[in-house]
Protein backbone atom coordinates (compact mmCIF):
# COMPACT_ATOMS: atom_id res chain seq x y z
CA UNK A 1 65.22 -88.13 -117.37
CA UNK A 2 67.52 -90.74 -115.77
CA UNK A 3 65.94 -93.41 -117.98
CA UNK A 4 66.66 -91.32 -121.09
CA UNK A 5 70.32 -90.94 -120.06
CA UNK A 6 70.55 -94.71 -119.52
CA UNK A 7 69.14 -95.40 -122.97
CA UNK A 8 71.53 -92.92 -124.57
CA UNK A 9 74.60 -94.55 -123.04
CA UNK A 10 73.45 -98.11 -123.58
CA UNK A 11 76.06 -100.48 -124.96
CA UNK A 12 73.43 -103.08 -125.86
CA UNK A 13 72.78 -103.13 -129.59
CA UNK A 14 69.22 -103.83 -130.69
CA UNK A 15 69.04 -106.31 -133.55
CA UNK A 16 66.10 -105.38 -135.76
CA UNK A 17 66.71 -107.72 -138.72
CA UNK A 18 68.71 -110.75 -139.83
CA UNK A 19 70.88 -108.35 -141.83
CA UNK A 20 71.77 -106.44 -138.65
CA UNK A 21 72.45 -109.78 -136.91
CA UNK A 22 74.75 -110.93 -139.71
CA UNK A 23 76.63 -107.63 -139.70
CA UNK A 24 77.33 -107.48 -135.96
CA UNK A 25 78.08 -111.19 -135.49
CA UNK A 26 80.45 -111.27 -138.48
CA UNK A 27 82.25 -108.13 -137.26
CA UNK A 28 82.62 -109.64 -133.78
CA UNK A 29 83.97 -112.86 -135.29
CA UNK A 30 86.56 -110.95 -137.37
CA UNK A 31 87.67 -109.00 -134.30
CA UNK A 32 87.69 -112.01 -131.97
CA UNK A 33 85.08 -110.32 -129.80
CA UNK A 34 82.78 -112.53 -127.69
CA UNK A 35 79.05 -111.93 -128.11
CA UNK A 36 76.15 -112.28 -125.65
CA UNK A 37 72.62 -112.15 -127.00
CA UNK A 38 69.47 -111.56 -124.96
CA UNK A 39 66.42 -112.93 -126.76
CA UNK A 40 63.49 -111.09 -125.28
CA UNK A 41 59.84 -110.14 -125.78
CA UNK A 42 58.03 -107.00 -124.64
CA UNK A 43 55.19 -109.08 -123.15
CA UNK A 44 57.54 -111.34 -121.15
CA UNK A 45 57.87 -109.99 -117.59
CA UNK A 46 61.12 -111.90 -116.76
CA UNK A 47 62.69 -110.65 -120.01
CA UNK A 48 61.75 -107.05 -119.25
CA UNK A 49 63.06 -107.47 -115.69
CA UNK A 50 66.44 -108.68 -117.04
CA UNK A 51 66.95 -105.64 -119.27
CA UNK A 52 68.60 -103.37 -116.62
CA UNK A 53 70.82 -106.26 -115.48
CA UNK A 54 71.92 -106.90 -119.08
CA UNK A 55 72.60 -103.16 -119.55
CA UNK A 56 74.82 -103.15 -116.45
CA UNK A 57 76.74 -106.20 -117.70
CA UNK A 58 77.35 -104.42 -121.00
CA UNK A 59 78.79 -101.41 -119.19
CA UNK A 60 81.02 -103.62 -117.03
CA UNK A 61 82.35 -105.91 -119.78
CA UNK A 62 83.30 -103.52 -122.58
CA UNK A 63 85.24 -106.15 -124.56
CA UNK A 64 82.07 -108.15 -125.18
CA UNK A 65 79.42 -107.30 -127.76
CA UNK A 66 75.95 -107.31 -126.19
CA UNK A 67 72.97 -107.77 -128.50
CA UNK A 68 69.24 -107.73 -127.79
CA UNK A 69 66.74 -109.45 -130.06
CA UNK A 70 62.97 -109.06 -129.68
CA UNK A 71 61.61 -112.42 -130.84
CA UNK A 72 58.41 -110.82 -132.15
CA UNK A 73 60.32 -108.33 -134.30
CA UNK A 74 62.85 -110.81 -135.76
CA UNK A 75 60.87 -114.05 -135.78
CA UNK A 76 62.99 -115.77 -138.45
CA UNK A 77 66.17 -115.28 -136.43
CA UNK A 78 64.56 -116.52 -133.22
CA UNK A 79 63.40 -119.61 -135.09
CA UNK A 80 66.80 -120.15 -136.72
CA UNK A 81 68.53 -119.92 -133.32
CA UNK A 82 65.94 -122.33 -131.84
CA UNK A 83 64.67 -119.88 -129.22
CA UNK A 84 61.66 -121.46 -127.53
CA UNK A 85 61.37 -119.45 -124.28
CA UNK A 86 62.18 -115.97 -123.05
CA UNK A 87 64.47 -114.80 -121.81
CA UNK A 88 67.15 -116.87 -123.52
CA UNK A 89 70.80 -115.85 -123.46
CA UNK A 90 73.28 -117.09 -126.05
CA UNK A 91 77.03 -116.85 -125.54
CA UNK A 92 79.15 -116.93 -128.70
CA UNK A 93 82.85 -116.85 -129.45
CA UNK A 94 84.38 -116.85 -132.94
CA UNK A 95 80.94 -117.32 -134.46
CA UNK A 96 80.23 -120.49 -132.48
CA UNK A 97 77.70 -121.00 -129.72
CA UNK A 98 79.53 -121.83 -126.47
CA UNK A 99 76.67 -121.59 -123.97
CA UNK A 100 72.90 -121.12 -123.79
CA UNK A 101 70.85 -120.18 -120.74
CA UNK A 102 67.07 -120.10 -120.57
CA UNK A 103 65.41 -118.06 -117.84
CA UNK A 104 66.06 -115.01 -115.71
CA UNK A 105 68.98 -116.15 -113.55
CA UNK A 106 71.52 -113.33 -113.03
CA UNK A 107 74.01 -115.54 -111.14
CA UNK A 108 74.16 -118.17 -113.88
CA UNK A 109 74.49 -115.44 -116.49
CA UNK A 110 77.41 -113.86 -114.60
CA UNK A 111 79.14 -117.26 -114.41
CA UNK A 112 78.66 -117.75 -118.15
CA UNK A 113 80.08 -114.28 -118.85
CA UNK A 114 83.20 -115.15 -116.85
CA UNK A 115 83.41 -118.48 -118.68
CA UNK A 116 83.13 -116.68 -122.01
CA UNK A 117 85.97 -114.34 -121.10
CA UNK A 118 88.18 -117.21 -119.92
CA UNK A 119 87.23 -119.52 -122.80
CA UNK A 120 90.26 -121.15 -124.43
CA UNK A 121 90.06 -122.27 -128.05
């Protein structure tokens, strides 16, 4: 039951196609909203382990758009974004990539989130 409640209040948007990706990233760009993307795979234990951490970040930083992309479901996008390992986290501002982290490292991810918030154009 607690897991169902967590899923219902999730602020992480699942990207299920390139069309969905284009919609959310273009909206974020128009609104000046930073974006963090978790490229994941259901078979990747570190990716699965990072999911609750990513959910908590999304609840804490409500001015950032959090996206999740399963590389097996949206292979073209993963290829286009040059994702070669999971988990990979991309940090974008104004449509541009500002940081990329590969691996399950919560401390580095937190530092990149703070950097994204404090990023000056």
